[in-house]
Amino acid sequence: QVQVVESGGGLVQPGGSLRLSCAASGIRSSAYAMYWYRQAPGKQRELVASITSGGSRRYADSVQGRVTISRDNTKNAVYLEMNNLKPEDTAVYYCSVGNFYWGQGTQVTVSG
């Protein structure tokens, strides 16, 4: 059984930082691209960042320069380091393994 679990969300002030973690079990995630998405209230889910099995990274324009995606294949994990957070970054953040398996999400709230 595949499980994907996100952690690290929380409440942070504008300009602050958070590091989200995602751990997969029951699957060799190193064979898949990994993704971070987010969904704000009343909005569609959007892709934030992705990293291929080979380590190539892509970012949404809205977060370029402020976030870094990384992965640790020895731990079946992917991370999202977010800096200079803005209120518009408030959303539930979801991790996906290959766009096949999804976690339940972790809430990020940016508010002063």
C-alpha atoms as a PDB file:
ATOM      1  CA  GLN A   1       0.000   0.000   0.000  1.00  0.00           C
ATOM      2  CA  VAL A   2       1.389   3.362  -1.047  1.00  0.00           C
ATOM      3  CA  GLN A   3       1.278   6.190   1.458  1.00  0.00           C
ATOM      4  CA  VAL A   4       2.303   9.796   0.940  1.00  0.00           C
ATOM      5  CA  VAL A   5       2.492  12.032   3.991  1.00  0.00           C
ATOM      6  CA  GLU A   6       3.232  15.745   4.048  1.00  0.00           C
ATOM      7  CA  SER A   7       4.410  17.697   7.082  1.00  0.00           C
ATOM      8  CA  GLY A   8       5.908  21.023   8.024  1.00  0.00           C
ATOM      9  CA  GLY A   9       3.049  23.402   7.364  1.00  0.00           C
ATOM     10  CA  GLY A  10       1.961  26.042   9.795  1.00  0.00           C
ATOM     11  CA  LEU A  11       1.345  29.701  10.464  1.00  0.00           C
ATOM     12  CA  VAL A  12       4.120  32.094   9.513  1.00  0.00           C
ATOM     13  CA  GLN A  13       4.412  35.842   9.188  1.00  0.00           C
ATOM     14  CA  PRO A  14       4.996  37.501   5.818  1.00  0.00           C
ATOM     15  CA  GLY A  15       8.665  37.297   4.933  1.00  0.00           C
ATOM     16  CA  GLY A  16       9.105  34.127   6.937  1.00  0.00           C
ATOM     17  CA  SER A  17      10.212  30.670   5.891  1.00  0.00           C
ATOM     18  CA  LEU A  18       8.928  27.118   6.050  1.00  0.00           C
ATOM     19  CA  ARG A  19      10.275  23.755   5.010  1.00  0.00           C
ATOM     20  CA  LEU A  20       7.723  21.209   3.885  1.00  0.00           C
ATOM     21  CA  SER A  21       8.529  17.527   3.878  1.00  0.00           C
ATOM     22  CA  CYS A  22       6.914  14.641   2.072  1.00  0.00           C
ATOM     23  CA  ALA A  23       7.611  11.000   2.790  1.00  0.00           C
ATOM     24  CA  ALA A  24       6.454   8.151   0.590  1.00  0.00           C
ATOM     25  CA  SER A  25       6.206   4.525   1.623  1.00  0.00           C
ATOM     26  CA  GLY A  26       5.277   1.377  -0.216  1.00  0.00           C
ATOM     27  CA  ILE A  27       6.867   2.668  -3.393  1.00  0.00           C
ATOM     28  CA  ARG A  28      10.324   3.356  -4.752  1.00  0.00           C
ATOM     29  CA  SER A  29       9.765   7.065  -5.292  1.00  0.00           C
ATOM     30  CA  SER A  30      13.244   7.491  -6.787  1.00  0.00           C
ATOM     31  CA  ALA A  31      11.832   6.165 -10.051  1.00  0.00           C
ATOM     32  CA  TYR A  32       9.263   8.942 -10.280  1.00  0.00           C
ATOM     33  CA  ALA A  33       9.128  12.660 -10.687  1.00  0.00           C
ATOM     34  CA  MET A  34       7.900  14.321  -7.502  1.00  0.00           C
ATOM     35  CA  TYR A  35       5.608  17.309  -7.325  1.00  0.00           C
ATOM     36  CA  TRP A  36       4.378  19.954  -4.931  1.00  0.00           C
ATOM     37  CA  TYR A  37       0.981  21.481  -5.648  1.00  0.00           C
ATOM     38  CA  ARG A  38      -1.097  23.939  -3.682  1.00  0.00           C
ATOM     39  CA  GLN A  39      -4.745  24.872  -3.510  1.00  0.00           C
ATOM     40  CA  ALA A  40      -6.007  28.096  -2.003  1.00  0.00           C
ATOM     41  CA  PRO A  41      -9.644  28.515  -0.934  1.00  0.00           C
ATOM     42  CA  GLY A  42     -11.860  29.016  -3.959  1.00  0.00           C
ATOM     43  CA  LYS A  43      -9.042  28.394  -6.418  1.00  0.00           C
ATOM     44  CA  GLN A  44      -7.897  25.507  -8.549  1.00  0.00           C
ATOM     45  CA  ARG A  45      -4.983  23.345  -7.551  1.00  0.00           C
ATOM     46  CA  GLU A  46      -1.772  24.660  -9.083  1.00  0.00           C
ATOM     47  CA  LEU A  47       1.662  23.184  -9.583  1.00  0.00           C
ATOM     48  CA  VAL A  48       4.280  24.852  -7.406  1.00  0.00           C
ATOM     49  CA  ALA A  49       7.411  22.853  -8.160  1.00  0.00           C
ATOM     50  CA  SER A  50       8.590  19.578  -9.612  1.00  0.00           C
ATOM     51  CA  ILE A  51      11.742  17.497  -9.598  1.00  0.00           C
ATOM     52  CA  THR A  52      12.451  14.627 -11.937  1.00  0.00           C
ATOM     53  CA  SER A  53      14.078  11.356 -10.983  1.00  0.00           C
ATOM     54  CA  GLY A  54      17.267  12.818 -12.439  1.00  0.00           C
ATOM     55  CA  GLY A  55      17.046  15.954 -10.334  1.00  0.00           C
ATOM     56  CA  SER A  56      15.821  18.513 -12.879  1.00  0.00           C
ATOM     57  CA  ARG A  57      13.710  21.188 -11.220  1.00  0.00           C
ATOM     58  CA  ARG A  58      10.936  23.433 -12.429  1.00  0.00           C
ATOM     59  CA  TYR A  59       9.030  26.156 -10.595  1.00  0.00           C
ATOM     60  CA  ALA A  60       5.883  28.155 -11.038  1.00  0.00           C
ATOM     61  CA  ASP A  61       6.524  31.779 -11.954  1.00  0.00           C
ATOM     62  CA  SER A  62       4.756  32.871  -8.779  1.00  0.00           C
ATOM     63  CA  VAL A  63       7.348  31.200  -6.541  1.00  0.00           C
ATOM     64  CA  GLN A  64      10.476  31.345  -8.700  1.00  0.00           C
ATOM     65  CA  GLY A  65      13.426  32.521  -6.652  1.00  0.00           C
ATOM     66  CA  ARG A  66      11.637  31.972  -3.356  1.00  0.00           C
ATOM     67  CA  VAL A  67      11.311  28.199  -3.170  1.00  0.00           C
ATOM     68  CA  THR A  68      13.624  25.248  -3.644  1.00  0.00           C
ATOM     69  CA  ILE A  69      12.541  21.684  -4.240  1.00  0.00           C
ATOM     70  CA  SER A  70      14.872  18.858  -3.351  1.00  0.00           C
ATOM     71  CA  ARG A  71      14.700  15.117  -2.870  1.00  0.00           C
ATOM     72  CA  ASP A  72      16.427  12.434  -0.860  1.00  0.00           C
ATOM     73  CA  ASN A  73      15.973   9.116  -2.599  1.00  0.00           C
ATOM     74  CA  THR A  74      17.513   7.239   0.319  1.00  0.00           C
ATOM     75  CA  LYS A  75      14.556   8.389   2.416  1.00  0.00           C
ATOM     76  CA  ASN A  76      11.889   8.302  -0.305  1.00  0.00           C
ATOM     77  CA  ALA A  77      11.362  11.976   0.491  1.00  0.00           C
ATOM     78  CA  VAL A  78      10.926  15.306  -1.215  1.00  0.00           C
ATOM     79  CA  TYR A  79      11.174  18.735   0.366  1.00  0.00           C
ATOM     80  CA  LEU A  80      10.013  22.266  -0.396  1.00  0.00           C
ATOM     81  CA  GLU A  81      12.004  25.083   1.147  1.00  0.00           C
ATOM     82  CA  MET A  82       9.983  28.293   1.022  1.00  0.00           C
ATOM     83  CA  ASN A  83      11.401  31.714   1.818  1.00  0.00           C
ATOM     84  CA  ASN A  84      10.075  35.264   1.803  1.00  0.00           C
ATOM     85  CA  LEU A  85       6.552  33.925   2.154  1.00  0.00           C
ATOM     86  CA  LYS A  86       3.643  36.123   1.129  1.00  0.00           C
ATOM     87  CA  PRO A  87      -0.027  36.075   2.130  1.00  0.00           C
ATOM     88  CA  GLU A  88      -0.861  34.800  -1.357  1.00  0.00           C
ATOM     89  CA  ASP A  89       1.161  31.659  -0.605  1.00  0.00           C
ATOM     90  CA  THR A  90      -1.550  30.639   1.852  1.00  0.00           C
ATOM     91  CA  ALA A  91      -2.920  27.296   0.697  1.00  0.00           C
ATOM     92  CA  VAL A  92      -3.016  23.601   1.359  1.00  0.00           C
ATOM     93  CA  TYR A  93       0.165  22.113  -0.073  1.00  0.00           C
ATOM     94  CA  TYR A  94       0.061  18.636  -1.577  1.00  0.00           C
ATOM     95  CA  CYS A  95       2.839  16.270  -2.480  1.00  0.00           C
ATOM     96  CA  SER A  96       2.504  13.854  -5.365  1.00  0.00           C
ATOM     97  CA  VAL A  97       4.564  10.913  -6.503  1.00  0.00           C
ATOM     98  CA  GLY A  98       4.478  10.809 -10.250  1.00  0.00           C
ATOM     99  CA  ASN A  99       1.064  12.480 -10.279  1.00  0.00           C
ATOM    100  CA  PHE A 100      -0.272   9.049  -9.377  1.00  0.00           C
ATOM    101  CA  TYR A 101      -0.136   9.050  -5.599  1.00  0.00           C
ATOM    102  CA  TRP A 102      -1.141  11.945  -3.400  1.00  0.00           C
ATOM    103  CA  GLY A 103      -0.901  12.994   0.192  1.00  0.00           C
ATOM    104  CA  GLN A 104      -3.606  14.602   2.278  1.00  0.00           C
ATOM    105  CA  GLY A 105      -1.942  17.985   2.282  1.00  0.00           C
ATOM    106  CA  THR A 106      -0.462  20.346   4.838  1.00  0.00           C
ATOM    107  CA  GLN A 107      -1.833  23.810   5.547  1.00  0.00           C
ATOM    108  CA  VAL A 108       0.405  26.829   5.079  1.00  0.00           C
ATOM    109  CA  THR A 109      -0.948  30.136   6.347  1.00  0.00           C
ATOM    110  CA  VAL A 110       0.966  33.358   5.856  1.00  0.00           C
ATOM    111  CA  SER A 111      -0.466  36.106   7.968  1.00  0.00           C
ATOM    112  CA  GLY A 112       0.777  38.943  10.119  1.00  0.00           C
END
